[in-house]
Amino acid sequence: MVWINSEYVEEFAVLTTWLSVFLPWSVVRASSAEGAELVVLRFPFFGIQYVFGTGLVDGTTVRTPWEYYTLNAGQFPAQATAYLVWALAAVVLVVAIVVSILMYFEHETVERLPGRGVYVLGASMLVLAVAFTGAAVQLHLHQPADILGWGFYAPIGLLGLVFFYAFGLLDLFADRT
């Protein structure tokens, strides 16, 4: 069964790579005993943390994966490892974006890559999926909720991970004939 018509495989690979920039790979909700609510959305290049009831500007924090890593490196090494994996995954996505831009504008250059770039992008999406899955599990297992004053901490959205796996598998197993 063919999911993507062979004449559109390269366009699909480029599109999925660009869409992956906007996919949150982790959405987490936390609540404290005092009734405060926290939501953390993690995208490939940044994370947004919002505390409800504090105002949009005052309650919102936007950080890069590297900032999360440097904030946690000394206190929470297990979390720092997850943030380092996130930062490395962001580098993989930058490489995938460069390949996709080359596929879009410099088609002849990419023709020399294995699978004409489609397999490179598919493998990149699977690497991202595995890296983000590992980071999400590591963050969930080693969440210092009691130390930070948050009594309940639950991942509520890992749908982005499903898309990373789907994009990677569709790119890798696309019919190229």
C-alpha atoms as a PDB file:
ATOM      1  CA  MET A   1       0.000   0.000   0.000  1.00  0.00           C
ATOM      2  CA  VAL A   2       1.451   3.350  -1.057  1.00  0.00           C
ATOM      3  CA  TRP A   3       0.796   6.270   1.296  1.00  0.00           C
ATOM      4  CA  ILE A   4       2.522   8.897  -0.834  1.00  0.00           C
ATOM      5  CA  ASN A   5       2.552   9.079  -4.602  1.00  0.00           C
ATOM      6  CA  SER A   6       6.134   8.570  -5.790  1.00  0.00           C
ATOM      7  CA  GLU A   7       6.230  11.842  -7.701  1.00  0.00           C
ATOM      8  CA  TYR A   8       5.565  13.802  -4.466  1.00  0.00           C
ATOM      9  CA  VAL A   9       7.945  11.990  -2.113  1.00  0.00           C
ATOM     10  CA  GLU A  10      10.569  14.730  -2.097  1.00  0.00           C
ATOM     11  CA  GLU A  11       8.010  17.485  -1.587  1.00  0.00           C
ATOM     12  CA  PHE A  12       6.457  15.504   1.260  1.00  0.00           C
ATOM     13  CA  ALA A  13       9.862  15.068   2.924  1.00  0.00           C
ATOM     14  CA  VAL A  14      10.541  18.807   2.699  1.00  0.00           C
ATOM     15  CA  LEU A  15       7.076  19.656   4.026  1.00  0.00           C
ATOM     16  CA  THR A  16       7.327  17.259   6.971  1.00  0.00           C
ATOM     17  CA  THR A  17      10.720  18.674   7.902  1.00  0.00           C
ATOM     18  CA  TRP A  18       9.405  22.226   7.926  1.00  0.00           C
ATOM     19  CA  LEU A  19       6.276  21.202   9.848  1.00  0.00           C
ATOM     20  CA  SER A  20       8.376  19.481  12.488  1.00  0.00           C
ATOM     21  CA  VAL A  21       9.748  22.862  13.558  1.00  0.00           C
ATOM     22  CA  PHE A  22       6.276  23.809  14.840  1.00  0.00           C
ATOM     23  CA  LEU A  23       5.398  20.505  16.559  1.00  0.00           C
ATOM     24  CA  PRO A  24       5.519  20.494  20.350  1.00  0.00           C
ATOM     25  CA  TRP A  25       7.142  17.237  21.378  1.00  0.00           C
ATOM     26  CA  SER A  26       6.060  17.574  24.985  1.00  0.00           C
ATOM     27  CA  VAL A  27       3.200  19.308  26.775  1.00  0.00           C
ATOM     28  CA  VAL A  28       3.232  19.066  30.561  1.00  0.00           C
ATOM     29  CA  ARG A  29       0.768  20.353  33.150  1.00  0.00           C
ATOM     30  CA  ALA A  30       1.513  20.852  36.828  1.00  0.00           C
ATOM     31  CA  SER A  31      -0.489  22.122  39.781  1.00  0.00           C
ATOM     32  CA  SER A  32       0.539  23.125  43.273  1.00  0.00           C
ATOM     33  CA  ALA A  33      -1.175  22.759  46.635  1.00  0.00           C
ATOM     34  CA  GLU A  34      -1.841  26.507  46.557  1.00  0.00           C
ATOM     35  CA  GLY A  35      -3.864  26.094  43.366  1.00  0.00           C
ATOM     36  CA  ALA A  36      -1.343  27.465  40.875  1.00  0.00           C
ATOM     37  CA  GLU A  37      -1.355  25.879  37.401  1.00  0.00           C
ATOM     38  CA  LEU A  38       1.685  25.526  35.162  1.00  0.00           C
ATOM     39  CA  VAL A  39       1.891  24.434  31.525  1.00  0.00           C
ATOM     40  CA  VAL A  40       5.161  23.706  29.742  1.00  0.00           C
ATOM     41  CA  LEU A  41       5.212  23.358  25.941  1.00  0.00           C
ATOM     42  CA  ARG A  42       8.463  22.074  24.477  1.00  0.00           C
ATOM     43  CA  PHE A  43       9.120  22.710  20.797  1.00  0.00           C
ATOM     44  CA  PRO A  44      12.303  21.648  18.970  1.00  0.00           C
ATOM     45  CA  PHE A  45      14.015  25.041  19.357  1.00  0.00           C
ATOM     46  CA  PHE A  46      12.440  26.507  22.497  1.00  0.00           C
ATOM     47  CA  GLY A  47      10.222  25.803  25.461  1.00  0.00           C
ATOM     48  CA  ILE A  48       7.380  27.939  26.769  1.00  0.00           C
ATOM     49  CA  GLN A  49       6.449  27.841  30.434  1.00  0.00           C
ATOM     50  CA  TYR A  50       3.247  29.569  31.514  1.00  0.00           C
ATOM     51  CA  VAL A  51       1.880  29.977  35.029  1.00  0.00           C
ATOM     52  CA  PHE A  52      -1.874  30.605  34.968  1.00  0.00           C
ATOM     53  CA  GLY A  53      -3.205  33.587  36.877  1.00  0.00           C
ATOM     54  CA  THR A  54      -0.020  35.647  36.717  1.00  0.00           C
ATOM     55  CA  GLY A  55      -0.697  37.518  33.498  1.00  0.00           C
ATOM     56  CA  LEU A  56       0.403  36.692  29.994  1.00  0.00           C
ATOM     57  CA  VAL A  57       3.690  38.611  30.103  1.00  0.00           C
ATOM     58  CA  ASP A  58       4.614  38.011  33.751  1.00  0.00           C
ATOM     59  CA  GLY A  59       3.702  34.334  33.747  1.00  0.00           C
ATOM     60  CA  THR A  60       5.402  33.351  30.487  1.00  0.00           C
ATOM     61  CA  THR A  61       8.992  32.190  30.212  1.00  0.00           C
ATOM     62  CA  VAL A  62      10.570  31.243  26.877  1.00  0.00           C
ATOM     63  CA  ARG A  63      13.888  29.406  26.923  1.00  0.00           C
ATOM     64  CA  THR A  64      16.085  27.526  24.482  1.00  0.00           C
ATOM     65  CA  PRO A  65      17.103  23.919  25.176  1.00  0.00           C
ATOM     66  CA  TRP A  66      20.596  25.127  26.051  1.00  0.00           C
ATOM     67  CA  GLU A  67      19.195  27.576  28.629  1.00  0.00           C
ATOM     68  CA  TYR A  68      17.207  24.742  30.212  1.00  0.00           C
ATOM     69  CA  TYR A  69      20.382  22.658  30.268  1.00  0.00           C
ATOM     70  CA  THR A  70      22.508  25.339  31.934  1.00  0.00           C
ATOM     71  CA  LEU A  71      19.798  26.039  34.525  1.00  0.00           C
ATOM     72  CA  ASN A  72      19.580  22.365  35.545  1.00  0.00           C
ATOM     73  CA  ALA A  73      23.145  21.117  35.048  1.00  0.00           C
ATOM     74  CA  GLY A  74      24.244  21.562  38.662  1.00  0.00           C
ATOM     75  CA  GLN A  75      21.061  20.806  40.589  1.00  0.00           C
ATOM     76  CA  PHE A  76      19.271  18.142  38.571  1.00  0.00           C
ATOM     77  CA  PRO A  77      21.740  16.098  36.479  1.00  0.00           C
ATOM     78  CA  ALA A  78      19.102  13.655  35.202  1.00  0.00           C
ATOM     79  CA  GLN A  79      17.052  16.525  33.844  1.00  0.00           C
ATOM     80  CA  ALA A  80      20.164  18.219  32.488  1.00  0.00           C
ATOM     81  CA  THR A  81      20.866  15.085  30.449  1.00  0.00           C
ATOM     82  CA  ALA A  82      17.376  15.269  28.953  1.00  0.00           C
ATOM     83  CA  TYR A  83      17.861  18.936  28.105  1.00  0.00           C
ATOM     84  CA  LEU A  84      21.231  18.163  26.509  1.00  0.00           C
ATOM     85  CA  VAL A  85      19.549  15.489  24.361  1.00  0.00           C
ATOM     86  CA  TRP A  86      16.944  18.113  23.419  1.00  0.00           C
ATOM     87  CA  ALA A  87      19.700  20.566  22.416  1.00  0.00           C
ATOM     88  CA  LEU A  88      21.443  17.913  20.304  1.00  0.00           C
ATOM     89  CA  ALA A  89      18.124  17.017  18.673  1.00  0.00           C
ATOM     90  CA  ALA A  90      17.703  20.686  17.762  1.00  0.00           C
ATOM     91  CA  VAL A  91      21.073  20.504  15.978  1.00  0.00           C
ATOM     92  CA  VAL A  92      19.864  17.425  14.059  1.00  0.00           C
ATOM     93  CA  LEU A  93      16.758  19.363  13.040  1.00  0.00           C
ATOM     94  CA  VAL A  94      18.898  22.277  11.815  1.00  0.00           C
ATOM     95  CA  VAL A  95      20.825  19.830   9.602  1.00  0.00           C
ATOM     96  CA  ALA A  96      17.537  18.383   8.320  1.00  0.00           C
ATOM     97  CA  ILE A  97      16.256  21.883   7.551  1.00  0.00           C
ATOM     98  CA  VAL A  98      19.439  22.673   5.619  1.00  0.00           C
ATOM     99  CA  VAL A  99      19.033  19.449   3.605  1.00  0.00           C
ATOM    100  CA  SER A 100      15.366  20.265   2.950  1.00  0.00           C
ATOM    101  CA  ILE A 101      16.252  23.773   1.765  1.00  0.00           C
ATOM    102  CA  LEU A 102      18.873  22.263  -0.536  1.00  0.00           C
ATOM    103  CA  MET A 103      16.244  19.821  -1.819  1.00  0.00           C
ATOM    104  CA  TYR A 104      13.951  22.741  -2.513  1.00  0.00           C
ATOM    105  CA  PHE A 105      16.444  25.097  -4.158  1.00  0.00           C
ATOM    106  CA  GLU A 106      19.480  23.014  -5.188  1.00  0.00           C
ATOM    107  CA  HIS A 107      17.903  19.817  -6.449  1.00  0.00           C
ATOM    108  CA  GLU A 108      21.013  18.692  -8.358  1.00  0.00           C
ATOM    109  CA  THR A 109      23.191  18.873  -5.239  1.00  0.00           C
ATOM    110  CA  VAL A 110      20.821  16.683  -3.260  1.00  0.00           C
ATOM    111  CA  GLU A 111      20.555  14.142  -6.088  1.00  0.00           C
ATOM    112  CA  ARG A 112      23.980  12.879  -4.966  1.00  0.00           C
ATOM    113  CA  LEU A 113      22.775  12.107  -1.418  1.00  0.00           C
ATOM    114  CA  PRO A 114      21.500   8.602  -0.597  1.00  0.00           C
ATOM    115  CA  GLY A 115      17.837   8.428  -1.537  1.00  0.00           C
ATOM    116  CA  ARG A 116      18.087  11.914  -3.006  1.00  0.00           C
ATOM    117  CA  GLY A 117      17.697  13.439   0.435  1.00  0.00           C
ATOM    118  CA  VAL A 118      14.396  11.771   1.303  1.00  0.00           C
ATOM    119  CA  TYR A 119      16.110   9.025   3.301  1.00  0.00           C
ATOM    120  CA  VAL A 120      18.313  11.586   5.043  1.00  0.00           C
ATOM    121  CA  LEU A 121      15.228  13.520   6.143  1.00  0.00           C
ATOM    122  CA  GLY A 122      13.382  10.343   7.128  1.00  0.00           C
ATOM    123  CA  ALA A 123      16.310   9.159   9.222  1.00  0.00           C
ATOM    124  CA  SER A 124      16.552  12.627  10.772  1.00  0.00           C
ATOM    125  CA  MET A 125      12.877  12.530  11.747  1.00  0.00           C
ATOM    126  CA  LEU A 126      13.347   9.124  13.387  1.00  0.00           C
ATOM    127  CA  VAL A 127      16.436  10.354  15.245  1.00  0.00           C
ATOM    128  CA  LEU A 128      14.380  13.316  16.478  1.00  0.00           C
ATOM    129  CA  ALA A 129      11.530  11.024  17.519  1.00  0.00           C
ATOM    130  CA  VAL A 130      13.827   8.746  19.514  1.00  0.00           C
ATOM    131  CA  ALA A 131      15.716  11.673  21.072  1.00  0.00           C
ATOM    132  CA  PHE A 132      12.546  13.525  22.075  1.00  0.00           C
ATOM    133  CA  THR A 133      11.002  10.307  23.419  1.00  0.00           C
ATOM    134  CA  GLY A 134      14.083   9.685  25.537  1.00  0.00           C
ATOM    135  CA  ALA A 135      14.107  13.273  26.772  1.00  0.00           C
ATOM    136  CA  ALA A 136      10.387  13.171  27.607  1.00  0.00           C
ATOM    137  CA  VAL A 137      10.739   9.917  29.550  1.00  0.00           C
ATOM    138  CA  GLN A 138      13.831  11.195  31.367  1.00  0.00           C
ATOM    139  CA  LEU A 139      12.094  14.448  32.294  1.00  0.00           C
ATOM    140  CA  HIS A 140       8.998  12.639  33.513  1.00  0.00           C
ATOM    141  CA  LEU A 141      10.857  10.036  35.569  1.00  0.00           C
ATOM    142  CA  HIS A 142      13.181  12.552  37.221  1.00  0.00           C
ATOM    143  CA  GLN A 143      10.833  15.478  37.749  1.00  0.00           C
ATOM    144  CA  PRO A 144      11.646  17.161  41.074  1.00  0.00           C
ATOM    145  CA  ALA A 145       8.011  18.156  41.582  1.00  0.00           C
ATOM    146  CA  ASP A 146       8.190  17.978  45.370  1.00  0.00           C
ATOM    147  CA  ILE A 147      11.321  20.143  45.457  1.00  0.00           C
ATOM    148  CA  LEU A 148       9.800  22.772  43.182  1.00  0.00           C
ATOM    149  CA  GLY A 149       6.523  22.858  45.102  1.00  0.00           C
ATOM    150  CA  TRP A 150       4.395  21.282  42.398  1.00  0.00           C
ATOM    151  CA  GLY A 151       2.321  18.437  43.788  1.00  0.00           C
ATOM    152  CA  PHE A 152       1.055  17.056  40.498  1.00  0.00           C
ATOM    153  CA  TYR A 153       3.142  16.895  37.334  1.00  0.00           C
ATOM    154  CA  ALA A 154       1.797  15.008  34.326  1.00  0.00           C
ATOM    155  CA  PRO A 155       2.674  14.808  30.631  1.00  0.00           C
ATOM    156  CA  ILE A 156      -0.561  15.543  28.793  1.00  0.00           C
ATOM    157  CA  GLY A 157       0.613  15.861  25.236  1.00  0.00           C
ATOM    158  CA  LEU A 158       3.115  13.678  23.480  1.00  0.00           C
ATOM    159  CA  LEU A 159       1.254  13.780  20.175  1.00  0.00           C
ATOM    160  CA  GLY A 160       4.166  15.560  18.510  1.00  0.00           C
ATOM    161  CA  LEU A 161       6.269  12.452  19.082  1.00  0.00           C
ATOM    162  CA  VAL A 162       3.760  10.390  17.111  1.00  0.00           C
ATOM    163  CA  PHE A 163       4.116  12.807  14.203  1.00  0.00           C
ATOM    164  CA  PHE A 164       7.928  12.630  14.306  1.00  0.00           C
ATOM    165  CA  TYR A 165       7.761   8.818  14.118  1.00  0.00           C
ATOM    166  CA  ALA A 166       5.135   8.953  11.354  1.00  0.00           C
ATOM    167  CA  PHE A 167       7.086  11.511   9.302  1.00  0.00           C
ATOM    168  CA  GLY A 168      10.274   9.473   9.616  1.00  0.00           C
ATOM    169  CA  LEU A 169       8.666   6.173   8.680  1.00  0.00           C
ATOM    170  CA  LEU A 170       6.718   7.664   5.777  1.00  0.00           C
ATOM    171  CA  ASP A 171       9.877   9.287   4.413  1.00  0.00           C
ATOM    172  CA  LEU A 172      12.013   6.165   4.839  1.00  0.00           C
ATOM    173  CA  PHE A 173       9.518   3.719   3.367  1.00  0.00           C
ATOM    174  CA  ALA A 174       8.083   5.926   0.633  1.00  0.00           C
ATOM    175  CA  ASP A 175       7.805   4.343  -2.801  1.00  0.00           C
ATOM    176  CA  ARG A 176      10.497   5.972  -4.942  1.00  0.00           C
ATOM    177  CA  THR A 177       9.734   4.223  -8.245  1.00  0.00           C
END
